[in-house]
Amino acid sequence: MGIPTLIATNTEDDDATSSFTSGIDSTYDEYMFVFTDCNPATNDRHFSFQCSTDGGSNYNVTMTTTYIRVEHSEDGSGGSVSYNTSRDQAQGTDFQNLADSVGSGADESCAGILHLFSPASTTYVKHFYSRSSTMSSGPQSTSALVAGYFNTTSAINAIQFKFTGGTQNFDGVIQMYGIS
C-alpha cells in the first residue's frame, strides 16, 4: 500500500448524507474513505454508499457486488459467517450497504474503510472493496466484507454515504485519502 494523503474530512452532525463532490480525479489511482463512529438517529439502519459520474447530480452508477457478514452476539451466542445475498447487487443502481443493522444507541455505531480504484479511468470498470465493524442493534458485533465493481467506463467523480431507510440523519466522520 502506498502513502495516504488526506484530501477532505466531512464531520456529520445530524446530517442525512455525506458527499465528496471534488477531489476524486486522476491525481491518484486509489482513493480510501475512512468512516468513523457513524451513528444513525434511528435504530437498525444500514450504512451505504453510491458513486456518481456527473459531479453528484445523480448517485446511480451500475454495480455488481458481494457481501459477507461475520457476527457474534454480545451475550456470547450466535457466532456465524455468512454470504448475504440480500445485501449484494447484480447490475444494480441502489446504494450499496457497507454495514448493516447499525444501532442508534450511544454505544452503537459503525466504522470501516472503503477503497476505490482508478475512478478517473475512461477505459476500465472501477473496482472497490470495504471492511467494516459495527456494534449493531442486536446487540451484537458484526463485520462486513464488501467487494465489487462499478460497470462504467465513465469517470467516477463523486461519492455519497448515507444510512438507508428514507431520510436517516446521522453523526460521524468520513475522510477521503488519495493513495500514492
N, C-alpha and C. Protein backbone atom coordinates (compact mmCIF):
# COMPACT_ATOMS: atom_id res chain seq x y z
N MET A 1 0.85 -1.18 0.00
CA MET A 1 0.00 0.00 0.00
C MET A 1 0.88 1.23 0.00
N GLY A 2 0.43 2.24 -0.74
CA GLY A 2 1.16 3.49 -0.82
C GLY A 2 0.90 4.38 0.38
N ILE A 3 1.33 5.60 0.24
CA ILE A 3 1.21 6.58 1.32
C ILE A 3 -0.11 7.33 1.18
N PRO A 4 -0.95 7.33 2.23
CA PRO A 4 -2.22 8.06 2.16
C PRO A 4 -2.01 9.57 2.37
N THR A 5 -2.69 10.36 1.55
CA THR A 5 -2.70 11.81 1.66
C THR A 5 -4.13 12.26 1.92
N LEU A 6 -4.36 12.90 3.06
CA LEU A 6 -5.70 13.37 3.39
C LEU A 6 -6.12 14.47 2.41
N ILE A 7 -7.27 14.26 1.79
CA ILE A 7 -7.81 15.24 0.84
C ILE A 7 -8.93 16.05 1.48
N ALA A 8 -9.85 15.38 2.18
CA ALA A 8 -11.00 16.08 2.76
C ALA A 8 -11.56 15.29 3.94
N THR A 9 -12.16 16.02 4.87
CA THR A 9 -12.84 15.42 6.03
C THR A 9 -14.24 15.99 6.12
N ASN A 10 -15.22 15.10 6.19
CA ASN A 10 -16.61 15.51 6.43
C ASN A 10 -16.98 15.08 7.84
N THR A 11 -17.35 16.04 8.67
CA THR A 11 -17.83 15.76 10.01
C THR A 11 -19.34 15.98 10.01
N GLU A 12 -20.07 14.89 10.14
CA GLU A 12 -21.53 14.97 10.06
C GLU A 12 -22.12 15.08 11.47
N ASP A 13 -23.10 15.95 11.60
CA ASP A 13 -23.79 16.16 12.87
C ASP A 13 -25.28 16.29 12.56
N ASP A 14 -25.97 15.15 12.66
CA ASP A 14 -27.40 15.09 12.36
C ASP A 14 -27.68 15.45 10.89
N ASP A 15 -26.85 14.89 9.98
CA ASP A 15 -26.99 15.12 8.55
C ASP A 15 -27.54 13.88 7.86
N ALA A 16 -28.23 14.06 6.74
CA ALA A 16 -28.83 12.94 6.01
C ALA A 16 -27.83 12.23 5.11
N THR A 17 -26.86 12.97 4.55
CA THR A 17 -25.87 12.38 3.64
C THR A 17 -24.51 13.01 3.90
N SER A 18 -23.50 12.34 3.36
CA SER A 18 -22.14 12.86 3.38
C SER A 18 -21.57 12.66 1.98
N SER A 19 -21.29 13.75 1.28
CA SER A 19 -20.86 13.67 -0.11
C SER A 19 -19.48 14.28 -0.31
N PHE A 20 -18.74 13.68 -1.23
CA PHE A 20 -17.46 14.22 -1.70
C PHE A 20 -17.65 14.47 -3.20
N THR A 21 -17.76 15.74 -3.59
CA THR A 21 -18.04 16.09 -4.98
C THR A 21 -16.85 16.73 -5.68
N SER A 22 -15.73 16.80 -5.01
CA SER A 22 -14.49 17.28 -5.64
C SER A 22 -13.33 16.50 -5.06
N GLY A 23 -12.24 16.50 -5.77
CA GLY A 23 -11.04 15.81 -5.30
C GLY A 23 -10.91 14.38 -5.78
N ILE A 24 -11.95 13.82 -6.41
CA ILE A 24 -11.86 12.48 -6.99
C ILE A 24 -11.57 12.68 -8.47
N ASP A 25 -10.31 12.46 -8.85
CA ASP A 25 -9.89 12.71 -10.23
C ASP A 25 -8.71 11.80 -10.56
N SER A 26 -7.92 12.16 -11.54
CA SER A 26 -6.80 11.32 -11.97
C SER A 26 -5.53 11.53 -11.15
N THR A 27 -5.59 12.34 -10.11
CA THR A 27 -4.41 12.58 -9.27
C THR A 27 -3.91 11.30 -8.63
N TYR A 28 -4.84 10.43 -8.20
CA TYR A 28 -4.48 9.18 -7.54
C TYR A 28 -5.15 8.02 -8.24
N ASP A 29 -4.49 6.86 -8.24
CA ASP A 29 -5.09 5.64 -8.79
C ASP A 29 -5.97 4.93 -7.77
N GLU A 30 -5.80 5.27 -6.50
CA GLU A 30 -6.60 4.66 -5.44
C GLU A 30 -7.04 5.74 -4.47
N TYR A 31 -8.31 5.65 -4.08
CA TYR A 31 -8.86 6.54 -3.05
C TYR A 31 -9.36 5.67 -1.90
N MET A 32 -9.14 6.17 -0.69
CA MET A 32 -9.53 5.45 0.51
C MET A 32 -10.45 6.36 1.33
N PHE A 33 -11.59 5.81 1.73
CA PHE A 33 -12.55 6.54 2.55
C PHE A 33 -12.62 5.85 3.91
N VAL A 34 -12.32 6.59 4.96
CA VAL A 34 -12.34 6.06 6.32
C VAL A 34 -13.55 6.64 7.02
N PHE A 35 -14.47 5.76 7.45
CA PHE A 35 -15.65 6.23 8.16
C PHE A 35 -15.55 5.78 9.62
N THR A 36 -15.82 6.73 10.52
CA THR A 36 -15.60 6.52 11.95
C THR A 36 -16.81 6.97 12.75
N ASP A 37 -17.22 6.12 13.70
CA ASP A 37 -18.31 6.46 14.63
C ASP A 37 -19.57 6.96 13.92
N CYS A 38 -19.95 6.29 12.85
CA CYS A 38 -21.19 6.65 12.13
C CYS A 38 -22.37 6.04 12.87
N ASN A 39 -23.23 6.91 13.36
CA ASN A 39 -24.32 6.52 14.26
C ASN A 39 -25.64 7.11 13.75
N PRO A 40 -26.58 6.24 13.35
CA PRO A 40 -27.85 6.75 12.82
C PRO A 40 -28.78 7.26 13.92
N ALA A 41 -29.66 8.18 13.57
CA ALA A 41 -30.65 8.69 14.52
C ALA A 41 -31.72 7.65 14.83
N THR A 42 -31.94 6.72 13.88
CA THR A 42 -32.96 5.68 14.03
C THR A 42 -32.27 4.33 14.14
N ASN A 43 -32.74 3.49 15.04
CA ASN A 43 -32.14 2.18 15.29
C ASN A 43 -32.26 1.24 14.08
N ASP A 44 -31.29 0.35 13.95
CA ASP A 44 -31.33 -0.75 12.97
C ASP A 44 -31.32 -0.26 11.53
N ARG A 45 -30.35 0.57 11.17
CA ARG A 45 -30.22 1.11 9.82
C ARG A 45 -28.94 0.59 9.17
N HIS A 46 -28.88 0.69 7.84
CA HIS A 46 -27.75 0.17 7.07
C HIS A 46 -26.95 1.33 6.49
N PHE A 47 -25.63 1.32 6.74
CA PHE A 47 -24.74 2.36 6.21
C PHE A 47 -24.35 1.98 4.79
N SER A 48 -24.48 2.92 3.85
CA SER A 48 -24.33 2.58 2.44
C SER A 48 -23.62 3.69 1.67
N PHE A 49 -23.26 3.36 0.40
CA PHE A 49 -22.64 4.36 -0.47
C PHE A 49 -23.05 4.11 -1.92
N GLN A 50 -22.85 5.14 -2.74
CA GLN A 50 -23.04 5.05 -4.18
C GLN A 50 -22.19 6.14 -4.82
N CYS A 51 -21.83 5.97 -6.08
CA CYS A 51 -20.98 6.93 -6.78
C CYS A 51 -21.75 7.63 -7.89
N SER A 52 -21.08 8.66 -8.45
CA SER A 52 -21.67 9.49 -9.49
C SER A 52 -20.64 9.72 -10.60
N THR A 53 -21.14 9.84 -11.82
CA THR A 53 -20.29 10.20 -12.96
C THR A 53 -20.60 11.61 -13.45
N ASP A 54 -21.49 12.30 -12.75
CA ASP A 54 -21.89 13.65 -13.19
C ASP A 54 -21.73 14.69 -12.07
N GLY A 55 -20.69 14.52 -11.26
CA GLY A 55 -20.38 15.51 -10.23
C GLY A 55 -21.31 15.52 -9.04
N GLY A 56 -22.15 14.49 -8.89
CA GLY A 56 -23.03 14.39 -7.74
C GLY A 56 -24.48 14.76 -8.04
N SER A 57 -24.83 15.01 -9.30
CA SER A 57 -26.23 15.27 -9.63
C SER A 57 -27.07 14.01 -9.44
N ASN A 58 -26.47 12.86 -9.77
CA ASN A 58 -27.15 11.56 -9.62
C ASN A 58 -26.18 10.57 -9.01
N TYR A 59 -26.65 9.78 -8.08
CA TYR A 59 -25.86 8.69 -7.50
C TYR A 59 -26.56 7.39 -7.87
N ASN A 60 -26.18 6.84 -9.04
CA ASN A 60 -26.88 5.67 -9.55
C ASN A 60 -26.02 4.88 -10.55
N VAL A 61 -24.74 4.75 -10.29
CA VAL A 61 -23.86 4.02 -11.19
C VAL A 61 -24.11 2.51 -11.03
N THR A 62 -24.24 1.81 -12.14
CA THR A 62 -24.49 0.37 -12.13
C THR A 62 -23.32 -0.38 -11.50
N MET A 63 -23.64 -1.29 -10.57
CA MET A 63 -22.58 -2.05 -9.90
C MET A 63 -22.99 -3.50 -9.68
N THR A 64 -21.97 -4.34 -9.55
CA THR A 64 -22.14 -5.73 -9.14
C THR A 64 -21.29 -5.91 -7.88
N THR A 65 -21.90 -6.52 -6.84
CA THR A 65 -21.23 -6.58 -5.54
C THR A 65 -21.45 -7.93 -4.86
N THR A 66 -20.67 -8.14 -3.81
CA THR A 66 -20.86 -9.30 -2.94
C THR A 66 -20.73 -8.82 -1.49
N TYR A 67 -21.41 -9.52 -0.56
CA TYR A 67 -21.48 -9.06 0.83
C TYR A 67 -21.34 -10.27 1.76
N ILE A 68 -20.30 -10.25 2.58
CA ILE A 68 -20.07 -11.32 3.56
C ILE A 68 -20.16 -10.70 4.95
N ARG A 69 -20.87 -11.38 5.85
CA ARG A 69 -21.10 -10.86 7.20
C ARG A 69 -20.59 -11.87 8.24
N VAL A 70 -19.90 -11.35 9.24
CA VAL A 70 -19.45 -12.13 10.39
C VAL A 70 -20.09 -11.50 11.62
N GLU A 71 -20.66 -12.34 12.50
CA GLU A 71 -21.34 -11.77 13.67
C GLU A 71 -21.15 -12.62 14.91
N HIS A 72 -21.27 -11.94 16.04
CA HIS A 72 -21.22 -12.61 17.34
C HIS A 72 -22.00 -11.76 18.33
N SER A 73 -22.96 -12.34 19.02
CA SER A 73 -23.82 -11.60 19.94
C SER A 73 -23.08 -11.18 21.19
N GLU A 74 -23.55 -10.10 21.78
CA GLU A 74 -22.94 -9.56 22.99
C GLU A 74 -23.00 -10.54 24.15
N ASP A 75 -24.02 -11.40 24.19
CA ASP A 75 -24.15 -12.37 25.27
C ASP A 75 -23.34 -13.65 25.04
N GLY A 76 -22.54 -13.67 23.95
CA GLY A 76 -21.68 -14.81 23.68
C GLY A 76 -22.29 -15.86 22.76
N SER A 77 -23.50 -15.66 22.32
CA SER A 77 -24.17 -16.63 21.46
C SER A 77 -24.15 -16.18 20.00
N GLY A 78 -24.49 -17.10 19.13
CA GLY A 78 -24.81 -16.76 17.75
C GLY A 78 -23.67 -16.40 16.83
N GLY A 79 -22.47 -16.87 17.06
CA GLY A 79 -21.38 -16.58 16.14
C GLY A 79 -21.61 -17.23 14.79
N SER A 80 -21.41 -16.47 13.69
CA SER A 80 -21.60 -17.05 12.36
C SER A 80 -20.87 -16.24 11.30
N VAL A 81 -20.63 -16.90 10.17
CA VAL A 81 -20.10 -16.27 8.97
C VAL A 81 -21.08 -16.61 7.85
N SER A 82 -21.51 -15.62 7.07
CA SER A 82 -22.48 -15.91 6.02
C SER A 82 -22.28 -15.01 4.81
N TYR A 83 -22.62 -15.58 3.66
CA TYR A 83 -22.72 -14.80 2.43
C TYR A 83 -24.16 -14.30 2.39
N ASN A 84 -24.34 -12.99 2.37
CA ASN A 84 -25.66 -12.40 2.49
C ASN A 84 -26.16 -11.92 1.12
N THR A 85 -26.92 -12.77 0.44
CA THR A 85 -27.39 -12.45 -0.91
C THR A 85 -28.35 -11.27 -0.93
N SER A 86 -29.02 -10.99 0.17
CA SER A 86 -29.96 -9.87 0.19
C SER A 86 -29.25 -8.52 0.23
N ARG A 87 -27.94 -8.52 0.47
CA ARG A 87 -27.17 -7.27 0.55
C ARG A 87 -26.30 -7.03 -0.68
N ASP A 88 -26.24 -8.00 -1.61
CA ASP A 88 -25.40 -7.77 -2.80
C ASP A 88 -26.26 -7.32 -3.97
N GLN A 89 -25.60 -6.90 -5.04
CA GLN A 89 -26.30 -6.41 -6.23
C GLN A 89 -25.73 -7.08 -7.47
N ALA A 90 -26.59 -7.34 -8.44
CA ALA A 90 -26.18 -7.85 -9.75
C ALA A 90 -26.62 -6.82 -10.79
N GLN A 91 -25.71 -5.94 -11.16
CA GLN A 91 -26.00 -4.86 -12.10
C GLN A 91 -27.10 -3.95 -11.57
N GLY A 92 -26.99 -3.63 -10.27
CA GLY A 92 -27.95 -2.75 -9.63
C GLY A 92 -27.46 -1.32 -9.56
N THR A 93 -28.37 -0.41 -9.25
CA THR A 93 -28.03 1.01 -9.12
C THR A 93 -28.39 1.57 -7.75
N ASP A 94 -28.77 0.70 -6.82
CA ASP A 94 -29.08 1.13 -5.45
C ASP A 94 -27.81 1.52 -4.71
N PHE A 95 -27.97 2.17 -3.57
CA PHE A 95 -26.85 2.38 -2.67
C PHE A 95 -26.43 1.02 -2.14
N GLN A 96 -25.13 0.79 -2.05
CA GLN A 96 -24.59 -0.49 -1.58
C GLN A 96 -24.35 -0.43 -0.08
N ASN A 97 -24.91 -1.40 0.65
CA ASN A 97 -24.66 -1.48 2.09
C ASN A 97 -23.20 -1.81 2.37
N LEU A 98 -22.63 -1.10 3.34
CA LEU A 98 -21.28 -1.38 3.84
C LEU A 98 -21.31 -1.94 5.24
N ALA A 99 -22.35 -1.62 5.99
CA ALA A 99 -22.55 -2.11 7.36
C ALA A 99 -24.04 -2.18 7.60
N ASP A 100 -24.50 -3.27 8.21
CA ASP A 100 -25.95 -3.39 8.37
C ASP A 100 -26.36 -3.47 9.83
N SER A 101 -27.63 -3.14 10.05
CA SER A 101 -28.27 -3.19 11.37
C SER A 101 -27.52 -2.36 12.42
N VAL A 102 -27.05 -1.18 12.02
CA VAL A 102 -26.31 -0.31 12.94
C VAL A 102 -27.29 0.24 13.97
N GLY A 103 -26.90 0.14 15.23
CA GLY A 103 -27.74 0.63 16.30
C GLY A 103 -27.62 2.13 16.49
N SER A 104 -28.63 2.73 17.11
CA SER A 104 -28.65 4.18 17.32
C SER A 104 -28.23 4.60 18.73
N GLY A 105 -27.93 3.62 19.59
CA GLY A 105 -27.54 3.95 20.95
C GLY A 105 -26.18 4.61 21.02
N ALA A 106 -25.90 5.23 22.16
CA ALA A 106 -24.63 5.93 22.33
C ALA A 106 -23.44 4.96 22.24
N ASP A 107 -23.66 3.68 22.52
CA ASP A 107 -22.58 2.69 22.44
C ASP A 107 -22.66 1.87 21.15
N GLU A 108 -23.39 2.37 20.15
CA GLU A 108 -23.56 1.65 18.89
C GLU A 108 -23.18 2.57 17.72
N SER A 109 -22.44 2.03 16.77
CA SER A 109 -22.04 2.78 15.57
C SER A 109 -21.31 1.83 14.63
N CYS A 110 -20.87 2.36 13.49
CA CYS A 110 -20.05 1.56 12.59
C CYS A 110 -18.81 2.36 12.20
N ALA A 111 -17.79 1.62 11.81
CA ALA A 111 -16.53 2.21 11.36
C ALA A 111 -15.93 1.28 10.32
N GLY A 112 -15.16 1.85 9.40
CA GLY A 112 -14.54 0.99 8.40
C GLY A 112 -13.78 1.79 7.36
N ILE A 113 -13.34 1.06 6.33
CA ILE A 113 -12.55 1.64 5.24
C ILE A 113 -13.10 1.12 3.92
N LEU A 114 -13.24 2.03 2.97
CA LEU A 114 -13.64 1.70 1.61
C LEU A 114 -12.51 2.13 0.68
N HIS A 115 -12.08 1.22 -0.20
CA HIS A 115 -11.05 1.52 -1.20
C HIS A 115 -11.72 1.55 -2.58
N LEU A 116 -11.44 2.59 -3.36
CA LEU A 116 -11.96 2.74 -4.72
C LEU A 116 -10.76 2.89 -5.65
N PHE A 117 -10.72 2.07 -6.71
CA PHE A 117 -9.55 2.02 -7.59
C PHE A 117 -9.84 2.65 -8.95
N SER A 118 -8.90 3.48 -9.39
CA SER A 118 -8.89 4.12 -10.72
C SER A 118 -10.23 4.74 -11.10
N PRO A 119 -10.78 5.60 -10.26
CA PRO A 119 -12.09 6.17 -10.57
C PRO A 119 -12.08 7.07 -11.81
N ALA A 120 -10.94 7.64 -12.18
CA ALA A 120 -10.87 8.55 -13.33
C ALA A 120 -10.71 7.82 -14.66
N SER A 121 -10.52 6.51 -14.62
CA SER A 121 -10.33 5.74 -15.86
C SER A 121 -11.55 5.86 -16.77
N THR A 122 -11.29 6.09 -18.04
CA THR A 122 -12.36 6.07 -19.03
C THR A 122 -12.22 4.85 -19.95
N THR A 123 -11.40 3.89 -19.51
CA THR A 123 -11.19 2.65 -20.26
C THR A 123 -11.77 1.44 -19.53
N TYR A 124 -11.60 1.39 -18.21
CA TYR A 124 -11.95 0.19 -17.45
C TYR A 124 -13.06 0.45 -16.44
N VAL A 125 -13.69 -0.64 -15.97
CA VAL A 125 -14.63 -0.55 -14.85
C VAL A 125 -13.84 -0.18 -13.59
N LYS A 126 -14.54 0.22 -12.52
CA LYS A 126 -13.90 0.66 -11.28
C LYS A 126 -14.17 -0.33 -10.16
N HIS A 127 -13.13 -0.90 -9.61
CA HIS A 127 -13.26 -1.89 -8.53
C HIS A 127 -13.22 -1.21 -7.17
N PHE A 128 -13.84 -1.86 -6.18
CA PHE A 128 -13.79 -1.36 -4.80
C PHE A 128 -13.90 -2.53 -3.84
N TYR A 129 -13.46 -2.29 -2.62
CA TYR A 129 -13.72 -3.22 -1.52
C TYR A 129 -13.79 -2.44 -0.23
N SER A 130 -14.49 -3.03 0.74
CA SER A 130 -14.69 -2.38 2.03
C SER A 130 -14.66 -3.41 3.14
N ARG A 131 -14.24 -2.96 4.29
CA ARG A 131 -14.30 -3.76 5.51
C ARG A 131 -14.81 -2.86 6.63
N SER A 132 -15.82 -3.34 7.35
CA SER A 132 -16.39 -2.52 8.42
C SER A 132 -16.60 -3.33 9.69
N SER A 133 -16.71 -2.60 10.78
CA SER A 133 -17.03 -3.18 12.08
C SER A 133 -18.20 -2.40 12.65
N THR A 134 -19.17 -3.13 13.22
CA THR A 134 -20.39 -2.49 13.70
C THR A 134 -20.77 -3.04 15.07
N MET A 135 -21.22 -2.16 15.94
CA MET A 135 -21.96 -2.57 17.12
C MET A 135 -23.41 -2.37 16.73
N SER A 136 -24.09 -3.50 16.50
CA SER A 136 -25.42 -3.42 15.91
C SER A 136 -26.52 -3.41 16.96
N SER A 137 -27.73 -3.30 16.47
CA SER A 137 -28.90 -3.19 17.33
C SER A 137 -29.26 -4.51 17.98
N GLY A 138 -28.54 -5.59 17.69
CA GLY A 138 -28.82 -6.97 18.14
C GLY A 138 -28.96 -7.21 19.62
N PRO A 139 -28.17 -6.85 20.56
CA PRO A 139 -26.88 -6.21 20.34
C PRO A 139 -25.82 -7.26 20.00
N GLN A 140 -25.07 -6.98 18.96
CA GLN A 140 -24.01 -7.88 18.55
C GLN A 140 -22.93 -7.12 17.79
N SER A 141 -21.77 -7.71 17.77
CA SER A 141 -20.66 -7.18 17.00
C SER A 141 -20.68 -7.85 15.64
N THR A 142 -20.62 -7.04 14.58
CA THR A 142 -20.60 -7.60 13.23
C THR A 142 -19.46 -6.99 12.43
N SER A 143 -19.03 -7.73 11.45
CA SER A 143 -18.06 -7.24 10.49
C SER A 143 -18.57 -7.58 9.11
N ALA A 144 -18.45 -6.65 8.18
CA ALA A 144 -18.90 -6.89 6.81
C ALA A 144 -17.73 -6.72 5.86
N LEU A 145 -17.63 -7.64 4.92
CA LEU A 145 -16.65 -7.57 3.84
C LEU A 145 -17.45 -7.41 2.55
N VAL A 146 -17.24 -6.30 1.87
CA VAL A 146 -18.00 -5.99 0.67
C VAL A 146 -17.01 -5.72 -0.46
N ALA A 147 -17.29 -6.25 -1.64
CA ALA A 147 -16.43 -6.01 -2.79
C ALA A 147 -17.27 -5.96 -4.04
N GLY A 148 -16.74 -5.33 -5.08
CA GLY A 148 -17.46 -5.28 -6.33
C GLY A 148 -16.83 -4.34 -7.31
N TYR A 149 -17.60 -4.01 -8.33
CA TYR A 149 -17.13 -3.07 -9.34
C TYR A 149 -18.29 -2.24 -9.87
N PHE A 150 -17.95 -1.01 -10.28
CA PHE A 150 -18.90 -0.15 -10.97
C PHE A 150 -18.75 -0.43 -12.46
N ASN A 151 -19.82 -0.82 -13.10
CA ASN A 151 -19.78 -1.23 -14.50
C ASN A 151 -19.96 -0.02 -15.41
N THR A 152 -18.95 0.83 -15.42
CA THR A 152 -18.95 2.01 -16.26
C THR A 152 -17.53 2.33 -16.70
N THR A 153 -17.41 2.83 -17.92
CA THR A 153 -16.11 3.34 -18.36
C THR A 153 -16.08 4.86 -18.29
N SER A 154 -17.13 5.46 -17.77
CA SER A 154 -17.11 6.90 -17.48
C SER A 154 -16.36 7.13 -16.18
N ALA A 155 -15.74 8.28 -16.06
CA ALA A 155 -15.01 8.60 -14.84
C ALA A 155 -15.98 8.81 -13.68
N ILE A 156 -15.66 8.22 -12.54
CA ILE A 156 -16.41 8.48 -11.30
C ILE A 156 -15.80 9.71 -10.67
N ASN A 157 -16.63 10.71 -10.31
CA ASN A 157 -16.08 11.96 -9.79
C ASN A 157 -16.78 12.45 -8.52
N ALA A 158 -17.65 11.62 -7.94
CA ALA A 158 -18.30 11.99 -6.68
C ALA A 158 -18.76 10.71 -6.00
N ILE A 159 -18.87 10.78 -4.67
CA ILE A 159 -19.31 9.65 -3.87
C ILE A 159 -20.18 10.17 -2.73
N GLN A 160 -21.19 9.39 -2.36
CA GLN A 160 -22.07 9.79 -1.27
C GLN A 160 -22.29 8.60 -0.32
N PHE A 161 -22.32 8.91 0.97
CA PHE A 161 -22.59 7.94 2.02
C PHE A 161 -23.87 8.34 2.74
N LYS A 162 -24.65 7.34 3.16
CA LYS A 162 -25.86 7.63 3.92
C LYS A 162 -26.35 6.35 4.59
N PHE A 163 -27.30 6.50 5.50
CA PHE A 163 -28.00 5.36 6.09
C PHE A 163 -29.28 5.14 5.30
N THR A 164 -29.62 3.89 5.03
CA THR A 164 -30.81 3.56 4.25
C THR A 164 -32.06 3.64 5.10
N GLY A 165 -33.20 3.64 4.43
CA GLY A 165 -34.49 3.66 5.11
C GLY A 165 -35.11 5.04 5.11
N GLY A 166 -35.14 5.69 3.95
CA GLY A 166 -35.64 7.06 3.90
C GLY A 166 -34.57 8.01 4.39
N THR A 167 -34.98 9.20 4.78
CA THR A 167 -34.02 10.16 5.30
C THR A 167 -33.66 9.78 6.73
N GLN A 168 -32.45 9.31 6.91
CA GLN A 168 -31.96 8.89 8.22
C GLN A 168 -30.75 9.73 8.59
N ASN A 169 -30.94 10.74 9.40
CA ASN A 169 -29.82 11.57 9.80
C ASN A 169 -28.84 10.78 10.65
N PHE A 170 -27.59 11.21 10.61
CA PHE A 170 -26.55 10.51 11.35
C PHE A 170 -25.43 11.45 11.76
N ASP A 171 -24.64 10.98 12.71
CA ASP A 171 -23.41 11.63 13.14
C ASP A 171 -22.26 10.74 12.71
N GLY A 172 -21.10 11.33 12.50
CA GLY A 172 -19.91 10.55 12.16
C GLY A 172 -18.90 11.38 11.40
N VAL A 173 -17.75 10.78 11.18
CA VAL A 173 -16.66 11.42 10.45
C VAL A 173 -16.29 10.51 9.28
N ILE A 174 -16.18 11.10 8.10
CA ILE A 174 -15.73 10.37 6.92
C ILE A 174 -14.59 11.17 6.29
N GLN A 175 -13.47 10.50 6.07
CA GLN A 175 -12.29 11.14 5.50
C GLN A 175 -11.96 10.51 4.16
N MET A 176 -11.53 11.34 3.21
CA MET A 176 -11.11 10.88 1.90
C MET A 176 -9.60 11.07 1.76
N TYR A 177 -8.93 9.98 1.39
CA TYR A 177 -7.49 9.99 1.18
C TYR A 177 -7.17 9.57 -0.25
N GLY A 178 -6.12 10.14 -0.81
CA GLY A 178 -5.55 9.65 -2.05
C GLY A 178 -4.35 8.79 -1.68
N ILE A 179 -4.19 7.67 -2.38
CA ILE A 179 -3.07 6.76 -2.11
C ILE A 179 -2.07 6.86 -3.24
N SER A 180 -0.84 7.27 -2.89
CA SER A 180 0.20 7.39 -3.93
C SER A 180 1.24 6.30 -3.80
